[in-house]
Amino acid sequence: MTMLEGAGIICLVLLGVGALAAIYRIVRGPSILDRAIATDVLLIVISSALCVEMAVNHHTDNIVFVVVASVIGFVGSVTLSRFVAEARKEPNERA
């Protein structure tokens, strides 16, 4: 086992712990915002795991998925934050 493979295994174990924590928050989250943030974190963990796998195996086969997942996560977060901001406005306040 090379040093790169060892570092990859350590990274994947830590990302697995992060994924488990995100799944726990998705299941137990007290609010929809907690669940949405945890879903975004889980998407980032999956993308990071794919990046680690690409680095260890010296290929770029999954780069399209990583880029698309990043864009979807960003658009989803911005959309959710706008929705929450609109919901928190006063009823007589105008945009």
PDB file of N, CA and C in Angstrom:
ATOM      1  N   MET A   1       0.854  -1.174   0.000  1.00  0.00           N
ATOM      2  CA  MET A   1       0.000   0.000   0.000  1.00  0.00           C
ATOM      3  C   MET A   1       0.900   1.238   0.000  1.00  0.00           C
ATOM      4  N   THR A   2       0.598   2.138  -0.904  1.00  0.00           N
ATOM      5  CA  THR A   2       1.381   3.362  -0.987  1.00  0.00           C
ATOM      6  C   THR A   2       0.843   4.395  -0.003  1.00  0.00           C
ATOM      7  N   MET A   3       1.598   5.458   0.137  1.00  0.00           N
ATOM      8  CA  MET A   3       1.177   6.522   1.045  1.00  0.00           C
ATOM      9  C   MET A   3      -0.116   7.186   0.550  1.00  0.00           C
ATOM     10  N   LEU A   4      -0.253   7.320  -0.763  1.00  0.00           N
ATOM     11  CA  LEU A   4      -1.467   7.914  -1.326  1.00  0.00           C
ATOM     12  C   LEU A   4      -2.689   7.046  -1.033  1.00  0.00           C
ATOM     13  N   GLU A   5      -2.539   5.744  -1.140  1.00  0.00           N
ATOM     14  CA  GLU A   5      -3.654   4.849  -0.830  1.00  0.00           C
ATOM     15  C   GLU A   5      -4.011   4.911   0.654  1.00  0.00           C
ATOM     16  N   GLY A   6      -3.006   4.986   1.516  1.00  0.00           N
ATOM     17  CA  GLY A   6      -3.264   5.115   2.952  1.00  0.00           C
ATOM     18  C   GLY A   6      -3.987   6.404   3.290  1.00  0.00           C
ATOM     19  N   ALA A   7      -3.544   7.496   2.672  1.00  0.00           N
ATOM     20  CA  ALA A   7      -4.220   8.778   2.890  1.00  0.00           C
ATOM     21  C   ALA A   7      -5.646   8.730   2.353  1.00  0.00           C
ATOM     22  N   GLY A   8      -5.837   8.042   1.232  1.00  0.00           N
ATOM     23  CA  GLY A   8      -7.177   7.906   0.675  1.00  0.00           C
ATOM     24  C   GLY A   8      -8.099   7.129   1.596  1.00  0.00           C
ATOM     25  N   ILE A   9      -7.578   6.070   2.207  1.00  0.00           N
ATOM     26  CA  ILE A   9      -8.385   5.279   3.141  1.00  0.00           C
ATOM     27  C   ILE A   9      -8.761   6.114   4.359  1.00  0.00           C
ATOM     28  N   ILE A  10      -7.804   6.865   4.892  1.00  0.00           N
ATOM     29  CA  ILE A  10      -8.087   7.724   6.050  1.00  0.00           C
ATOM     30  C   ILE A  10      -9.143   8.768   5.688  1.00  0.00           C
ATOM     31  N   CYS A  11      -9.007   9.376   4.517  1.00  0.00           N
ATOM     32  CA  CYS A  11      -9.991  10.378   4.081  1.00  0.00           C
ATOM     33  C   CYS A  11     -11.376   9.764   3.922  1.00  0.00           C
ATOM     34  N   LEU A  12     -11.441   8.576   3.334  1.00  0.00           N
ATOM     35  CA  LEU A  12     -12.741   7.945   3.134  1.00  0.00           C
ATOM     36  C   LEU A  12     -13.391   7.545   4.453  1.00  0.00           C
ATOM     37  N   VAL A  13     -12.587   7.122   5.427  1.00  0.00           N
ATOM     38  CA  VAL A  13     -13.144   6.801   6.746  1.00  0.00           C
ATOM     39  C   VAL A  13     -13.720   8.061   7.391  1.00  0.00           C
ATOM     40  N   LEU A  14     -12.968   9.155   7.333  1.00  0.00           N
ATOM     41  CA  LEU A  14     -13.460  10.408   7.914  1.00  0.00           C
ATOM     42  C   LEU A  14     -14.695  10.924   7.177  1.00  0.00           C
ATOM     43  N   LEU A  15     -14.713  10.779   5.862  1.00  0.00           N
ATOM     44  CA  LEU A  15     -15.898  11.183   5.102  1.00  0.00           C
ATOM     45  C   LEU A  15     -17.091  10.289   5.434  1.00  0.00           C
ATOM     46  N   GLY A  16     -16.833   9.020   5.712  1.00  0.00           N
ATOM     47  CA  GLY A  16     -17.907   8.122   6.135  1.00  0.00           C
ATOM     48  C   GLY A  16     -18.513   8.547   7.458  1.00  0.00           C
ATOM     49  N   VAL A  17     -17.662   8.976   8.387  1.00  0.00           N
ATOM     50  CA  VAL A  17     -18.162   9.481   9.670  1.00  0.00           C
ATOM     51  C   VAL A  17     -19.011  10.733   9.441  1.00  0.00           C
ATOM     52  N   GLY A  18     -18.542  11.608   8.567  1.00  0.00           N
ATOM     53  CA  GLY A  18     -19.320  12.805   8.239  1.00  0.00           C
ATOM     54  C   GLY A  18     -20.646  12.468   7.581  1.00  0.00           C
ATOM     55  N   ALA A  19     -20.649  11.450   6.718  1.00  0.00           N
ATOM     56  CA  ALA A  19     -21.895  11.030   6.077  1.00  0.00           C
ATOM     57  C   ALA A  19     -22.874  10.471   7.101  1.00  0.00           C
ATOM     58  N   LEU A  20     -22.371   9.691   8.046  1.00  0.00           N
ATOM     59  CA  LEU A  20     -23.248   9.157   9.093  1.00  0.00           C
ATOM     60  C   LEU A  20     -23.838  10.276   9.948  1.00  0.00           C
ATOM     61  N   ALA A  21     -23.027  11.284  10.258  1.00  0.00           N
ATOM     62  CA  ALA A  21     -23.529  12.420  11.035  1.00  0.00           C
ATOM     63  C   ALA A  21     -24.595  13.190  10.249  1.00  0.00           C
ATOM     64  N   ALA A  22     -24.380  13.350   8.948  1.00  0.00           N
ATOM     65  CA  ALA A  22     -25.369  14.053   8.124  1.00  0.00           C
ATOM     66  C   ALA A  22     -26.666  13.254   8.021  1.00  0.00           C
ATOM     67  N   ILE A  23     -26.557  11.938   7.873  1.00  0.00           N
ATOM     68  CA  ILE A  23     -27.757  11.101   7.812  1.00  0.00           C
ATOM     69  C   ILE A  23     -28.513  11.160   9.133  1.00  0.00           C
ATOM     70  N   TYR A  24     -27.789  11.158  10.235  1.00  0.00           N
ATOM     71  CA  TYR A  24     -28.429  11.283  11.547  1.00  0.00           C
ATOM     72  C   TYR A  24     -29.212  12.594  11.637  1.00  0.00           C
ATOM     73  N   ARG A  25     -28.614  13.688  11.154  1.00  0.00           N
ATOM     74  CA  ARG A  25     -29.288  14.984  11.214  1.00  0.00           C
ATOM     75  C   ARG A  25     -30.485  15.021  10.264  1.00  0.00           C
ATOM     76  N   ILE A  26     -30.398  14.331   9.131  1.00  0.00           N
ATOM     77  CA  ILE A  26     -31.542  14.271   8.217  1.00  0.00           C
ATOM     78  C   ILE A  26     -32.710  13.556   8.887  1.00  0.00           C
ATOM     79  N   VAL A  27     -32.411  12.474   9.596  1.00  0.00           N
ATOM     80  CA  VAL A  27     -33.468  11.695  10.242  1.00  0.00           C
ATOM     81  C   VAL A  27     -34.012  12.407  11.473  1.00  0.00           C
ATOM     82  N   ARG A  28     -33.136  12.966  12.304  1.00  0.00           N
ATOM     83  CA  ARG A  28     -33.537  13.521  13.592  1.00  0.00           C
ATOM     84  C   ARG A  28     -33.704  15.037  13.608  1.00  0.00           C
ATOM     85  N   GLY A  29     -33.393  15.705  12.494  1.00  0.00           N
ATOM     86  CA  GLY A  29     -33.415  17.165  12.490  1.00  0.00           C
ATOM     87  C   GLY A  29     -34.731  17.740  12.967  1.00  0.00           C
ATOM     88  N   PRO A  30     -34.679  18.687  13.894  1.00  0.00           N
ATOM     89  CA  PRO A  30     -35.938  19.226  14.413  1.00  0.00           C
ATOM     90  C   PRO A  30     -36.677  20.111  13.406  1.00  0.00           C
ATOM     91  N   SER A  31     -35.972  20.677  12.453  1.00  0.00           N
ATOM     92  CA  SER A  31     -36.648  21.565  11.502  1.00  0.00           C
ATOM     93  C   SER A  31     -36.270  21.178  10.079  1.00  0.00           C
ATOM     94  N   ILE A  32     -37.024  21.713   9.144  1.00  0.00           N
ATOM     95  CA  ILE A  32     -36.751  21.445   7.741  1.00  0.00           C
ATOM     96  C   ILE A  32     -35.425  22.066   7.314  1.00  0.00           C
ATOM     97  N   LEU A  33     -35.035  23.173   7.938  1.00  0.00           N
ATOM     98  CA  LEU A  33     -33.747  23.786   7.610  1.00  0.00           C
ATOM     99  C   LEU A  33     -32.587  22.886   8.005  1.00  0.00           C
ATOM    100  N   ASP A  34     -32.681  22.244   9.175  1.00  0.00           N
ATOM    101  CA  ASP A  34     -31.634  21.309   9.582  1.00  0.00           C
ATOM    102  C   ASP A  34     -31.523  20.158   8.590  1.00  0.00           C
ATOM    103  N   ARG A  35     -32.655  19.662   8.163  1.00  0.00           N
ATOM    104  CA  ARG A  35     -32.645  18.556   7.201  1.00  0.00           C
ATOM    105  C   ARG A  35     -32.081  18.995   5.852  1.00  0.00           C
ATOM    106  N   ALA A  36     -32.406  20.197   5.422  1.00  0.00           N
ATOM    107  CA  ALA A  36     -31.907  20.696   4.141  1.00  0.00           C
ATOM    108  C   ALA A  36     -30.398  20.906   4.185  1.00  0.00           C
ATOM    109  N   ILE A  37     -29.904  21.467   5.263  1.00  0.00           N
ATOM    110  CA  ILE A  37     -28.458  21.671   5.397  1.00  0.00           C
ATOM    111  C   ILE A  37     -27.741  20.332   5.474  1.00  0.00           C
ATOM    112  N   ALA A  38     -28.317  19.377   6.197  1.00  0.00           N
ATOM    113  CA  ALA A  38     -27.701  18.057   6.293  1.00  0.00           C
ATOM    114  C   ALA A  38     -27.688  17.352   4.936  1.00  0.00           C
ATOM    115  N   THR A  39     -28.730  17.549   4.145  1.00  0.00           N
ATOM    116  CA  THR A  39     -28.748  16.973   2.800  1.00  0.00           C
ATOM    117  C   THR A  39     -27.663  17.594   1.936  1.00  0.00           C
ATOM    118  N   ASP A  40     -27.470  18.894   2.057  1.00  0.00           N
ATOM    119  CA  ASP A  40     -26.407  19.573   1.325  1.00  0.00           C
ATOM    120  C   ASP A  40     -25.037  19.069   1.776  1.00  0.00           C
ATOM    121  N   VAL A  41     -24.863  18.880   3.069  1.00  0.00           N
ATOM    122  CA  VAL A  41     -23.595  18.347   3.590  1.00  0.00           C
ATOM    123  C   VAL A  41     -23.363  16.937   3.065  1.00  0.00           C
ATOM    124  N   LEU A  42     -24.402  16.120   3.020  1.00  0.00           N
ATOM    125  CA  LEU A  42     -24.260  14.758   2.507  1.00  0.00           C
ATOM    126  C   LEU A  42     -23.862  14.769   1.033  1.00  0.00           C
ATOM    127  N   LEU A  43     -24.421  15.677   0.256  1.00  0.00           N
ATOM    128  CA  LEU A  43     -24.037  15.808  -1.147  1.00  0.00           C
ATOM    129  C   LEU A  43     -22.571  16.210  -1.274  1.00  0.00           C
ATOM    130  N   ILE A  44     -22.109  17.090  -0.420  1.00  0.00           N
ATOM    131  CA  ILE A  44     -20.707  17.504  -0.432  1.00  0.00           C
ATOM    132  C   ILE A  44     -19.799  16.347  -0.031  1.00  0.00           C
ATOM    133  N   VAL A  45     -20.213  15.559   0.953  1.00  0.00           N
ATOM    134  CA  VAL A  45     -19.410  14.408   1.382  1.00  0.00           C
ATOM    135  C   VAL A  45     -19.292  13.389   0.251  1.00  0.00           C
ATOM    136  N   ILE A  46     -20.391  13.133  -0.443  1.00  0.00           N
ATOM    137  CA  ILE A  46     -20.347  12.187  -1.561  1.00  0.00           C
ATOM    138  C   ILE A  46     -19.434  12.707  -2.667  1.00  0.00           C
ATOM    139  N   SER A  47     -19.535  13.989  -2.981  1.00  0.00           N
ATOM    140  CA  SER A  47     -18.660  14.580  -3.997  1.00  0.00           C
ATOM    141  C   SER A  47     -17.198  14.516  -3.571  1.00  0.00           C
ATOM    142  N   SER A  48     -16.942  14.766  -2.297  1.00  0.00           N
ATOM    143  CA  SER A  48     -15.569  14.698  -1.792  1.00  0.00           C
ATOM    144  C   SER A  48     -15.028  13.279  -1.856  1.00  0.00           C
ATOM    145  N   ALA A  49     -15.866  12.300  -1.546  1.00  0.00           N
ATOM    146  CA  ALA A  49     -15.437  10.903  -1.637  1.00  0.00           C
ATOM    147  C   ALA A  49     -15.097  10.536  -3.077  1.00  0.00           C
ATOM    148  N   LEU A  50     -15.872  11.040  -4.022  1.00  0.00           N
ATOM    149  CA  LEU A  50     -15.551  10.789  -5.426  1.00  0.00           C
ATOM    150  C   LEU A  50     -14.238  11.450  -5.824  1.00  0.00           C
ATOM    151  N   CYS A  51     -13.977  12.645  -5.304  1.00  0.00           N
ATOM    152  CA  CYS A  51     -12.706  13.325  -5.592  1.00  0.00           C
ATOM    153  C   CYS A  51     -11.524  12.553  -5.015  1.00  0.00           C
ATOM    154  N   VAL A  52     -11.677  12.025  -3.806  1.00  0.00           N
ATOM    155  CA  VAL A  52     -10.608  11.220  -3.202  1.00  0.00           C
ATOM    156  C   VAL A  52     -10.372   9.970  -4.038  1.00  0.00           C
ATOM    157  N   GLU A  53     -11.449   9.323  -4.463  1.00  0.00           N
ATOM    158  CA  GLU A  53     -11.315   8.117  -5.282  1.00  0.00           C
ATOM    159  C   GLU A  53     -10.620   8.430  -6.605  1.00  0.00           C
ATOM    160  N   MET A  54     -10.942   9.564  -7.203  1.00  0.00           N
ATOM    161  CA  MET A  54     -10.277   9.945  -8.449  1.00  0.00           C
ATOM    162  C   MET A  54      -8.799  10.219  -8.227  1.00  0.00           C
ATOM    163  N   ALA A  55      -8.458  10.827  -7.100  1.00  0.00           N
ATOM    164  CA  ALA A  55      -7.050  11.118  -6.815  1.00  0.00           C
ATOM    165  C   ALA A  55      -6.258   9.840  -6.572  1.00  0.00           C
ATOM    166  N   VAL A  56      -6.844   8.901  -5.856  1.00  0.00           N
ATOM    167  CA  VAL A  56      -6.132   7.658  -5.547  1.00  0.00           C
ATOM    168  C   VAL A  56      -5.950   6.811  -6.804  1.00  0.00           C
ATOM    169  N   ASN A  57      -6.964   6.746  -7.649  1.00  0.00           N
ATOM    170  CA  ASN A  57      -6.905   5.887  -8.837  1.00  0.00           C
ATOM    171  C   ASN A  57      -6.423   6.605 -10.091  1.00  0.00           C
ATOM    172  N   HIS A  58      -6.051   7.858  -9.974  1.00  0.00           N
ATOM    173  CA  HIS A  58      -5.458   8.640 -11.075  1.00  0.00           C
ATOM    174  C   HIS A  58      -6.351   8.673 -12.322  1.00  0.00           C
ATOM    175  N   HIS A  59      -7.604   9.064 -12.145  1.00  0.00           N
ATOM    176  CA  HIS A  59      -8.497   9.239 -13.286  1.00  0.00           C
ATOM    177  C   HIS A  59      -9.445  10.403 -13.007  1.00  0.00           C
ATOM    178  N   THR A  60     -10.161  10.806 -14.045  1.00  0.00           N
ATOM    179  CA  THR A  60     -11.120  11.910 -13.902  1.00  0.00           C
ATOM    180  C   THR A  60     -12.489  11.517 -14.443  1.00  0.00           C
ATOM    181  N   ASP A  61     -12.850  10.255 -14.288  1.00  0.00           N
ATOM    182  CA  ASP A  61     -14.113   9.770 -14.848  1.00  0.00           C
ATOM    183  C   ASP A  61     -15.338  10.380 -14.174  1.00  0.00           C
ATOM    184  N   ASN A  62     -15.248  10.733 -12.914  1.00  0.00           N
ATOM    185  CA  ASN A  62     -16.411  11.208 -12.160  1.00  0.00           C
ATOM    186  C   ASN A  62     -16.469  12.723 -12.023  1.00  0.00           C
ATOM    187  N   ILE A  63     -15.641  13.440 -12.743  1.00  0.00           N
ATOM    188  CA  ILE A  63     -15.566  14.890 -12.555  1.00  0.00           C
ATOM    189  C   ILE A  63     -16.872  15.574 -12.971  1.00  0.00           C
ATOM    190  N   VAL A  64     -17.558  15.021 -13.968  1.00  0.00           N
ATOM    191  CA  VAL A  64     -18.823  15.617 -14.406  1.00  0.00           C
ATOM    192  C   VAL A  64     -19.856  15.531 -13.286  1.00  0.00           C
ATOM    193  N   PHE A  65     -19.930  14.373 -12.622  1.00  0.00           N
ATOM    194  CA  PHE A  65     -20.871  14.231 -11.511  1.00  0.00           C
ATOM    195  C   PHE A  65     -20.541  15.201 -10.387  1.00  0.00           C
ATOM    196  N   VAL A  66     -19.267  15.378 -10.089  1.00  0.00           N
ATOM    197  CA  VAL A  66     -18.861  16.280  -9.005  1.00  0.00           C
ATOM    198  C   VAL A  66     -19.273  17.716  -9.329  1.00  0.00           C
ATOM    199  N   VAL A  67     -19.064  18.138 -10.566  1.00  0.00           N
ATOM    200  CA  VAL A  67     -19.426  19.506 -10.957  1.00  0.00           C
ATOM    201  C   VAL A  67     -20.946  19.690 -10.934  1.00  0.00           C
ATOM    202  N   VAL A  68     -21.681  18.731 -11.469  1.00  0.00           N
ATOM    203  CA  VAL A  68     -23.147  18.832 -11.483  1.00  0.00           C
ATOM    204  C   VAL A  68     -23.698  18.816 -10.063  1.00  0.00           C
ATOM    205  N   ALA A  69     -23.155  17.964  -9.202  1.00  0.00           N
ATOM    206  CA  ALA A  69     -23.608  17.911  -7.807  1.00  0.00           C
ATOM    207  C   ALA A  69     -23.321  19.228  -7.096  1.00  0.00           C
ATOM    208  N   SER A  70     -22.194  19.850  -7.397  1.00  0.00           N
ATOM    209  CA  SER A  70     -21.870  21.142  -6.790  1.00  0.00           C
ATOM    210  C   SER A  70     -22.859  22.220  -7.221  1.00  0.00           C
ATOM    211  N   VAL A  71     -23.185  22.234  -8.492  1.00  0.00           N
ATOM    212  CA  VAL A  71     -24.139  23.229  -8.994  1.00  0.00           C
ATOM    213  C   VAL A  71     -25.523  22.994  -8.396  1.00  0.00           C
ATOM    214  N   ILE A  72     -25.957  21.745  -8.341  1.00  0.00           N
ATOM    215  CA  ILE A  72     -27.269  21.435  -7.771  1.00  0.00           C
ATOM    216  C   ILE A  72     -27.309  21.812  -6.291  1.00  0.00           C
ATOM    217  N   GLY A  73     -26.248  21.516  -5.559  1.00  0.00           N
ATOM    218  CA  GLY A  73     -26.198  21.887  -4.146  1.00  0.00           C
ATOM    219  C   GLY A  73     -26.248  23.387  -3.944  1.00  0.00           C
ATOM    220  N   PHE A  74     -25.519  24.126  -4.774  1.00  0.00           N
ATOM    221  CA  PHE A  74     -25.516  25.585  -4.663  1.00  0.00           C
ATOM    222  C   PHE A  74     -26.891  26.163  -4.973  1.00  0.00           C
ATOM    223  N   VAL A  75     -27.484  25.733  -6.076  1.00  0.00           N
ATOM    224  CA  VAL A  75     -28.797  26.256  -6.463  1.00  0.00           C
ATOM    225  C   VAL A  75     -29.849  25.885  -5.422  1.00  0.00           C
ATOM    226  N   GLY A  76     -29.772  24.676  -4.897  1.00  0.00           N
ATOM    227  CA  GLY A  76     -30.722  24.266  -3.866  1.00  0.00           C
ATOM    228  C   GLY A  76     -30.595  25.089  -2.603  1.00  0.00           C
ATOM    229  N   SER A  77     -29.370  25.369  -2.181  1.00  0.00           N
ATOM    230  CA  SER A  77     -29.160  26.171  -0.973  1.00  0.00           C
ATOM    231  C   SER A  77     -29.648  27.600  -1.158  1.00  0.00           C
ATOM    232  N   VAL A  78     -29.362  28.186  -2.306  1.00  0.00           N
ATOM    233  CA  VAL A  78     -29.807  29.557  -2.571  1.00  0.00           C
ATOM    234  C   VAL A  78     -31.331  29.618  -2.639  1.00  0.00           C
ATOM    235  N   THR A  79     -31.944  28.644  -3.287  1.00  0.00           N
ATOM    236  CA  THR A  79     -33.403  28.610  -3.381  1.00  0.00           C
ATOM    237  C   THR A  79     -34.040  28.473  -2.007  1.00  0.00           C
ATOM    238  N   LEU A  80     -33.506  27.595  -1.191  1.00  0.00           N
ATOM    239  CA  LEU A  80     -34.052  27.402   0.153  1.00  0.00           C
ATOM    240  C   LEU A  80     -33.883  28.655   1.002  1.00  0.00           C
ATOM    241  N   SER A  81     -32.731  29.306   0.903  1.00  0.00           N
ATOM    242  CA  SER A  81     -32.524  30.514   1.706  1.00  0.00           C
ATOM    243  C   SER A  81     -33.459  31.638   1.259  1.00  0.00           C
ATOM    244  N   ARG A  82     -33.720  31.754  -0.027  1.00  0.00           N
ATOM    245  CA  ARG A  82     -34.678  32.760  -0.499  1.00  0.00           C
ATOM    246  C   ARG A  82     -36.091  32.442  -0.017  1.00  0.00           C
ATOM    247  N   PHE A  83     -36.449  31.161  -0.031  1.00  0.00           N
ATOM    248  CA  PHE A  83     -37.770  30.754   0.438  1.00  0.00           C
ATOM    249  C   PHE A  83     -37.939  31.069   1.917  1.00  0.00           C
ATOM    250  N   VAL A  84     -36.924  30.790   2.713  1.00  0.00           N
ATOM    251  CA  VAL A  84     -36.990  31.062   4.150  1.00  0.00           C
ATOM    252  C   VAL A  84     -37.023  32.563   4.404  1.00  0.00           C
ATOM    253  N   ALA A  85     -36.246  33.328   3.636  1.00  0.00           N
ATOM    254  CA  ALA A  85     -36.242  34.784   3.804  1.00  0.00           C
ATOM    255  C   ALA A  85     -37.611  35.367   3.473  1.00  0.00           C
ATOM    256  N   GLU A  86     -38.262  34.859   2.447  1.00  0.00           N
ATOM    257  CA  GLU A  86     -39.604  35.333   2.089  1.00  0.00           C
ATOM    258  C   GLU A  86     -40.612  34.956   3.163  1.00  0.00           C
ATOM    259  N   ALA A  87     -40.474  33.781   3.747  1.00  0.00           N
ATOM    260  CA  ALA A  87     -41.423  33.324   4.759  1.00  0.00           C
ATOM    261  C   ALA A  87     -41.292  34.116   6.055  1.00  0.00           C
ATOM    262  N   ARG A  88     -40.117  34.666   6.326  1.00  0.00           N
ATOM    263  CA  ARG A  88     -39.897  35.392   7.575  1.00  0.00           C
ATOM    264  C   ARG A  88     -40.233  36.873   7.491  1.00  0.00           C
ATOM    265  N   LYS A  89     -40.584  37.361   6.311  1.00  0.00           N
ATOM    266  CA  LYS A  89     -40.939  38.773   6.179  1.00  0.00           C
ATOM    267  C   LYS A  89     -42.254  39.044   6.887  1.00  0.00           C
ATOM    268  N   GLU A  90     -42.404  40.265   7.322  1.00  0.00           N
ATOM    269  CA  GLU A  90     -43.662  40.679   7.943  1.00  0.00           C
ATOM    270  C   GLU A  90     -44.760  40.695   6.874  1.00  0.00           C
ATOM    271  N   PRO A  91     -45.996  40.430   7.241  1.00  0.00           N
ATOM    272  CA  PRO A  91     -47.082  40.416   6.251  1.00  0.00           C
ATOM    273  C   PRO A  91     -47.293  41.759   5.556  1.00  0.00           C
ATOM    274  N   ASN A  92     -47.061  42.879   6.252  1.00  0.00           N
ATOM    275  CA  ASN A  92     -47.286  44.183   5.632  1.00  0.00           C
ATOM    276  C   ASN A  92     -46.019  44.747   4.988  1.00  0.00           C
ATOM    277  N   GLU A  93     -44.925  44.022   5.038  1.00  0.00           N
ATOM    278  CA  GLU A  93     -43.664  44.488   4.450  1.00  0.00           C
ATOM    279  C   GLU A  93     -43.643  44.130   2.967  1.00  0.00           C
ATOM    280  N   ARG A  94     -43.172  45.070   2.143  1.00  0.00           N
ATOM    281  CA  ARG A  94     -43.096  44.818   0.707  1.00  0.00           C
ATOM    282  C   ARG A  94     -41.645  44.665   0.295  1.00  0.00           C
ATOM    283  N   ALA A  95     -41.445  43.855  -0.725  1.00  0.00           N
ATOM    284  CA  ALA A  95     -40.087  43.596  -1.213  1.00  0.00           C
ATOM    285  C   ALA A  95     -39.600  44.711  -2.097  1.00  0.00           C
TER     286      ALA A  95
END
